[in-house]
Amino acid sequence: MIRFQGFRKQFGAHVAVHDLDLDVRRGEVLALLGPNGSGKTTSLKAAAGLIRPTSGDVLVGDPGRPSSATASREFLSYLPQRVSFPESLTGREALEFYRGLRGTAASRVPEVLRMAALNGAAERAVGTYSGGMVQRLGLAVALLPDAPVLLLDEPTAALDPDGLSSFYAVVERHTHEGRTVLFSSHQLGDVERLADRFAVLVEGRLVSVLSQREIHDELASRGSMRVRLDGCSEELLRAVHARTPGAAWTGDELVVPGPPAIRPIVIDVIRTAGVEIRGLTSEDGRLDVWYRDLVGERP
C-alpha cells in the first residue's frame, strides 16, 4: 500500500533519508522508530506527498502512484507532529472547516468526535484546550476522510491515559477494517501494543525491520532465569557452564542468561547434582534496553 523505493531526501548538504527501501503492506500497522533527527518525519511527509524525493520514489495505493500525485490524496489522511487550530474556533467548528476541505459527509463530525473522545469539549473554544486535547482534535481531523491509509507523526506525544485508550481503539478499528497505518513514535509501549512490524531509522538509514514475532524471540533470547539455592559448589557451576557459559553465582542465586529453551536443561543439572531449589524466577529482556543497543545509544 505504501512503497519507498530508494527514497532519498536531501536538504542542501544534509541528507535526511538515505536510499530507503520499505514496503508497508495493506492492512498492517508499521511503526517508525528512531532517535530525533533519524528521518521519521521526513519519510512520513514524503508518504503524504508533502515533500518530493531528491531521488527514488514513494508510491501509494495498488497499483502504486507517486505520493505527490493529486490522485494519491484520496488514499491518505495525515496527522502532522505539531497541530494547531485557530483558538477562537470551537472543536466542532474546526472539524466542520476541515470536513468542507475534504468533502466528507456531515455525519462524520459526531463520529470522529466520539472516536477521539472529544464529545465533552466539542463546543469549547480551542484556546481553552490542553495540549493533549489539541492532539485529540488533530486525530479527529485526520479521521474525517474514509481513507485506506492513515499516516500519523508522533500521535501519542501529549495524550493522557484516556486519550491513549481512544487512540489505540482507533488504530485497532482501522486495521480490523483492513486499512493501513504508518506511524512514528518514541513510545515503545505504542509499538508493543499496536505495530505488526517496526522499522528502525538511525541518521536517516534503515537499520532493522522486525515483526512482533521477531521482537518476542529476540527479547526471549535476552532473558534470564534466577534460581535460588542454599549454595553452589564449583562442580555444579562448572556443570552449568558446560550448558550456558554466561551463568553466574551471585549471593544465593544462580543467574542463567539466555533463551527459555536452556532453562529446563539447567534445572535438570541442578537436580542431578542433588541441590535443592529454594525459588525460581524468569524474565524476558527489556525492549527499551534492546532498542538502545539497536540505535547505538547507551543509558
Protein backbone atom coordinates (compact mmCIF):
# COMPACT_ATOMS: atom_id res chain seq x y z
CA MET A 1 0.00 0.00 0.00
CA ILE A 2 2.99 2.32 0.63
CA ARG A 3 6.32 1.64 -1.02
CA PHE A 4 9.57 3.51 -0.50
CA GLN A 5 11.88 2.65 -3.40
CA GLY A 6 15.39 4.03 -2.94
CA PHE A 7 13.84 7.10 -1.32
CA ARG A 8 16.42 9.76 -0.64
CA LYS A 9 15.76 13.25 0.64
CA GLN A 10 18.42 15.90 0.83
CA PHE A 11 18.12 19.44 2.19
CA GLY A 12 21.15 21.32 0.91
CA ALA A 13 24.21 19.38 2.06
CA HIS A 14 22.22 17.47 4.69
CA VAL A 15 20.85 14.04 3.74
CA ALA A 16 17.76 13.44 5.89
CA VAL A 17 16.98 9.96 4.50
CA HIS A 18 19.43 7.68 2.68
CA ASP A 19 18.02 5.39 -0.04
CA LEU A 20 15.14 3.92 1.97
CA ASP A 21 13.58 0.68 0.71
CA LEU A 22 10.49 -0.22 2.73
CA ASP A 23 7.07 -1.71 1.95
CA VAL A 24 4.06 -1.08 4.18
CA ARG A 25 1.53 -3.79 3.43
CA ARG A 26 -2.19 -3.42 3.07
CA GLY A 27 -3.95 -3.80 6.43
CA GLU A 28 -0.83 -3.68 8.61
CA VAL A 29 0.37 -1.27 11.27
CA LEU A 30 4.01 -0.32 10.84
CA ALA A 31 5.84 1.87 13.34
CA LEU A 32 8.83 4.05 12.53
CA LEU A 33 11.24 4.22 15.45
CA GLY A 34 14.48 6.09 15.87
CA PRO A 35 16.21 8.94 17.69
CA ASN A 36 15.38 12.57 16.93
CA GLY A 37 16.64 13.54 13.50
CA SER A 38 16.62 9.99 12.18
CA GLY A 39 14.31 10.72 9.21
CA LYS A 40 10.94 9.54 10.55
CA THR A 41 9.06 12.80 9.92
CA THR A 42 10.70 13.28 6.53
CA SER A 43 9.60 9.79 5.48
CA LEU A 44 6.02 10.39 6.65
CA LYS A 45 5.84 13.74 4.86
CA ALA A 46 7.07 12.07 1.69
CA ALA A 47 4.38 9.39 2.03
CA ALA A 48 1.81 12.16 2.45
CA GLY A 49 3.04 13.88 -0.71
CA LEU A 50 4.14 16.99 1.16
CA ILE A 51 7.76 16.74 0.03
CA ARG A 52 9.22 15.27 -3.12
CA PRO A 53 12.10 12.78 -3.16
CA THR A 54 15.53 14.01 -4.13
CA SER A 55 15.83 10.61 -5.78
CA GLY A 56 13.88 7.36 -5.70
CA ASP A 57 10.13 7.03 -5.34
CA VAL A 58 7.38 6.88 -2.74
CA LEU A 59 4.34 5.07 -4.12
CA VAL A 60 0.86 4.85 -2.62
CA GLY A 61 -2.06 2.56 -3.42
CA ASP A 62 -2.38 -0.52 -5.57
CA PRO A 63 -1.25 -0.10 -8.27
CA GLY A 64 1.20 2.39 -6.79
CA ARG A 65 1.08 6.04 -7.75
CA PRO A 66 3.62 8.69 -6.72
CA SER A 67 2.54 10.06 -3.34
CA SER A 68 2.81 13.62 -4.70
CA ALA A 69 0.20 12.92 -7.39
CA THR A 70 -3.20 14.51 -6.84
CA ALA A 71 -4.91 11.14 -7.30
CA SER A 72 -2.95 9.71 -4.37
CA ARG A 73 -4.52 12.09 -1.87
CA GLU A 74 -7.80 10.18 -1.82
CA PHE A 75 -5.91 7.22 -0.33
CA LEU A 76 -4.34 9.18 2.53
CA SER A 77 -5.01 11.07 5.71
CA TYR A 78 -2.13 12.64 7.62
CA LEU A 79 -1.63 13.83 11.20
CA PRO A 80 1.49 16.02 11.50
CA GLN A 81 3.75 16.04 14.52
CA ARG A 82 2.60 19.50 15.58
CA VAL A 83 -1.02 20.54 15.13
CA SER A 84 -2.59 23.93 15.72
CA PHE A 85 -6.01 25.44 15.15
CA PRO A 86 -7.48 28.97 15.41
CA GLU A 87 -8.06 29.41 19.13
CA SER A 88 -11.36 31.24 18.67
CA LEU A 89 -12.99 28.28 16.91
CA THR A 90 -14.72 25.53 18.83
CA GLY A 91 -13.60 21.97 18.27
CA ARG A 92 -16.74 21.29 16.24
CA GLU A 93 -16.21 24.39 14.08
CA ALA A 94 -12.62 23.34 13.35
CA LEU A 95 -13.84 19.91 12.30
CA GLU A 96 -16.56 21.41 10.11
CA PHE A 97 -13.93 23.55 8.36
CA TYR A 98 -11.72 20.57 7.55
CA ARG A 99 -14.74 18.47 6.64
CA GLY A 100 -15.55 21.01 3.96
CA LEU A 101 -12.00 20.88 2.64
CA ARG A 102 -12.02 17.09 2.40
CA GLY A 103 -15.59 16.88 1.12
CA THR A 104 -16.72 14.34 3.71
CA ALA A 105 -20.28 13.81 4.94
CA ALA A 106 -21.63 15.88 7.83
CA SER A 107 -22.31 12.68 9.76
CA ARG A 108 -18.56 12.14 10.12
CA VAL A 109 -18.16 15.03 12.59
CA PRO A 110 -20.02 13.48 15.55
CA GLU A 111 -18.49 10.12 14.67
CA VAL A 112 -14.87 11.32 14.81
CA LEU A 113 -15.59 13.39 17.93
CA ARG A 114 -16.65 10.17 19.60
CA MET A 115 -13.65 8.23 18.29
CA ALA A 116 -11.24 10.90 19.55
CA ALA A 117 -13.08 11.13 22.91
CA LEU A 118 -13.77 14.86 22.40
CA ASN A 119 -17.55 14.85 22.78
CA GLY A 120 -17.48 16.81 26.02
CA ALA A 121 -15.26 19.54 24.59
CA ALA A 122 -16.73 19.96 21.11
CA GLU A 123 -18.46 23.26 21.91
CA ARG A 124 -15.50 24.79 23.74
CA ALA A 125 -13.03 27.17 22.12
CA VAL A 126 -9.79 25.55 21.07
CA GLY A 127 -7.96 28.23 23.07
CA THR A 128 -9.20 26.53 26.25
CA TYR A 129 -7.85 23.11 25.23
CA SER A 130 -4.86 21.44 26.84
CA GLY A 131 -2.05 20.14 24.65
CA GLY A 132 -3.49 16.65 24.82
CA MET A 133 -6.94 17.85 23.77
CA VAL A 134 -5.46 19.70 20.78
CA GLN A 135 -3.75 16.43 19.84
CA ARG A 136 -7.09 14.61 20.09
CA LEU A 137 -8.67 17.24 17.84
CA GLY A 138 -5.85 16.72 15.33
CA LEU A 139 -6.54 13.00 15.38
CA ALA A 140 -10.26 13.68 14.82
CA VAL A 141 -9.39 15.82 11.77
CA ALA A 142 -7.17 13.02 10.41
CA LEU A 143 -10.05 10.57 10.83
CA LEU A 144 -12.57 12.67 8.85
CA PRO A 145 -11.93 11.13 5.41
CA ASP A 146 -12.63 7.45 4.85
CA ALA A 147 -9.04 6.90 3.71
CA PRO A 148 -7.40 3.47 3.32
CA VAL A 149 -4.06 4.79 4.65
CA LEU A 150 -3.52 6.70 7.89
CA LEU A 151 -0.18 8.49 8.41
CA LEU A 152 0.48 9.62 11.99
CA ASP A 153 3.54 11.51 13.18
CA GLU A 154 4.08 11.12 16.96
CA PRO A 155 0.31 10.76 17.55
CA THR A 156 0.55 9.91 21.27
CA ALA A 157 3.11 12.52 22.34
CA ALA A 158 0.74 14.59 24.52
CA LEU A 159 -2.06 12.12 25.23
CA ASP A 160 -3.24 11.20 28.71
CA PRO A 161 -4.37 7.63 29.54
CA ASP A 162 -7.92 8.28 28.25
CA GLY A 163 -6.54 9.74 25.04
CA LEU A 164 -4.20 6.79 24.62
CA SER A 165 -7.08 4.38 25.07
CA SER A 166 -9.08 6.20 22.38
CA PHE A 167 -6.09 6.25 20.04
CA TYR A 168 -5.46 2.52 20.47
CA ALA A 169 -9.14 1.83 19.76
CA VAL A 170 -8.97 3.93 16.58
CA VAL A 171 -5.91 2.09 15.24
CA GLU A 172 -7.34 -1.32 16.13
CA ARG A 173 -10.61 -0.43 14.39
CA HIS A 174 -8.77 0.72 11.27
CA THR A 175 -6.73 -2.47 11.00
CA HIS A 176 -9.80 -4.58 11.66
CA GLU A 177 -11.35 -2.86 8.63
CA GLY A 178 -8.28 -3.71 6.53
CA ARG A 179 -6.78 -0.22 6.49
CA THR A 180 -3.08 0.58 6.67
CA VAL A 181 -1.47 2.64 9.43
CA LEU A 182 2.07 4.05 9.32
CA PHE A 183 3.06 5.97 12.43
CA SER A 184 6.15 7.25 14.19
CA SER A 185 6.63 7.14 17.93
CA HIS A 186 9.13 7.41 20.77
CA GLN A 187 6.80 5.41 23.00
CA LEU A 188 7.86 1.77 22.93
CA GLY A 189 4.56 0.83 24.57
CA ASP A 190 2.76 2.00 21.44
CA VAL A 191 4.86 -0.35 19.34
CA GLU A 192 4.27 -3.33 21.62
CA ARG A 193 0.53 -2.66 21.70
CA LEU A 194 -0.17 -1.77 18.08
CA ALA A 195 2.52 -2.49 15.50
CA ASP A 196 2.68 -5.61 13.36
CA ARG A 197 6.22 -4.58 12.44
CA PHE A 198 8.59 -1.80 13.31
CA ALA A 199 11.29 -0.16 11.20
CA VAL A 200 14.23 1.48 12.95
CA LEU A 201 15.88 4.51 11.38
CA VAL A 202 19.20 5.91 12.59
CA GLU A 203 20.74 9.00 10.99
CA GLY A 204 18.45 8.59 8.00
CA ARG A 205 19.32 4.95 7.37
CA LEU A 206 17.12 1.90 7.85
CA VAL A 207 18.93 -0.38 10.30
CA SER A 208 16.27 -3.01 11.01
CA VAL A 209 12.73 -4.13 10.18
CA LEU A 210 11.24 -6.57 12.68
CA SER A 211 7.93 -8.34 13.19
CA GLN A 212 6.27 -8.83 16.57
CA ARG A 213 7.36 -12.49 16.48
CA GLU A 214 10.97 -11.50 15.84
CA ILE A 215 10.80 -8.98 18.68
CA HIS A 216 9.38 -11.62 21.01
CA ASP A 217 12.09 -14.12 20.05
CA GLU A 218 14.87 -11.56 20.46
CA LEU A 219 13.65 -10.43 23.89
CA ALA A 220 13.27 -14.06 24.97
CA SER A 221 16.87 -14.74 23.95
CA ARG A 222 17.95 -11.76 26.07
CA GLY A 223 16.08 -13.03 29.12
CA SER A 224 17.39 -14.78 32.19
CA MET A 225 16.44 -17.25 34.91
CA ARG A 226 17.32 -16.85 38.59
CA VAL A 227 17.49 -20.00 40.70
CA ARG A 228 17.77 -19.56 44.48
CA LEU A 229 19.89 -22.28 46.11
CA ASP A 230 21.39 -22.90 49.53
CA GLY A 231 24.79 -22.95 47.88
CA CYS A 232 26.58 -23.54 44.61
CA SER A 233 29.69 -25.71 44.51
CA GLU A 234 32.42 -25.23 41.95
CA GLU A 235 31.49 -28.59 40.48
CA LEU A 236 27.86 -27.54 39.98
CA LEU A 237 28.89 -24.21 38.48
CA ARG A 238 31.21 -25.99 36.03
CA ALA A 239 28.38 -28.34 35.04
CA VAL A 240 26.05 -25.38 34.41
CA HIS A 241 28.77 -23.50 32.50
CA ALA A 242 29.08 -26.50 30.18
CA ARG A 243 25.48 -25.80 29.06
CA THR A 244 25.50 -21.98 29.28
CA PRO A 245 28.86 -20.26 29.81
CA GLY A 246 27.23 -16.97 30.88
CA ALA A 247 25.77 -18.39 34.11
CA ALA A 248 27.00 -16.75 37.33
CA TRP A 249 26.59 -17.28 41.07
CA THR A 250 25.53 -14.06 42.84
CA GLY A 251 24.69 -14.11 46.55
CA ASP A 252 22.26 -17.00 46.91
CA GLU A 253 21.13 -17.10 43.26
CA LEU A 254 22.36 -18.79 40.14
CA VAL A 255 21.72 -16.35 37.27
CA VAL A 256 21.32 -18.10 33.90
CA PRO A 257 21.09 -15.80 30.84
CA GLY A 258 19.74 -16.98 27.53
CA PRO A 259 16.61 -18.24 25.78
CA PRO A 260 13.86 -20.20 27.59
CA ALA A 261 14.98 -23.49 25.98
CA ILE A 262 18.13 -23.59 28.12
CA ARG A 263 16.28 -23.26 31.43
CA PRO A 264 14.88 -26.80 31.86
CA ILE A 265 18.33 -28.18 30.97
CA VAL A 266 19.93 -26.17 33.79
CA ILE A 267 17.18 -27.27 36.20
CA ASP A 268 17.96 -30.90 35.37
CA VAL A 269 21.68 -30.29 36.01
CA ILE A 270 20.90 -28.82 39.44
CA ARG A 271 18.58 -31.68 40.38
CA THR A 272 21.08 -34.28 39.18
CA ALA A 273 23.66 -32.66 41.49
CA GLY A 274 21.25 -33.19 44.40
CA VAL A 275 20.91 -29.47 45.19
CA GLU A 276 17.55 -28.28 46.46
CA ILE A 277 15.91 -25.41 44.61
CA ARG A 278 14.53 -22.78 47.01
CA GLY A 279 13.00 -20.49 44.44
CA LEU A 280 12.94 -19.71 40.72
CA THR A 281 12.05 -16.66 38.62
CA SER A 282 12.49 -15.87 34.93
CA GLU A 283 12.06 -12.79 32.76
CA ASP A 284 12.46 -11.72 29.15
CA GLY A 285 14.81 -8.99 28.03
CA ARG A 286 13.61 -5.39 28.10
CA LEU A 287 12.51 -3.74 24.89
CA ASP A 288 13.94 -0.35 25.88
CA VAL A 289 17.41 -1.82 26.53
CA TRP A 290 17.39 -3.67 23.22
CA TYR A 291 16.21 -0.55 21.41
CA ARG A 292 19.10 1.48 22.83
CA ASP A 293 21.52 -1.21 21.67
CA LEU A 294 19.90 -1.23 18.24
CA VAL A 295 20.25 2.51 17.66
CA GLY A 296 23.71 2.68 19.20
CA GLU A 297 22.68 4.65 22.30
CA ARG A 298 23.72 3.84 25.85
CA PRO A 299 21.96 4.70 29.12
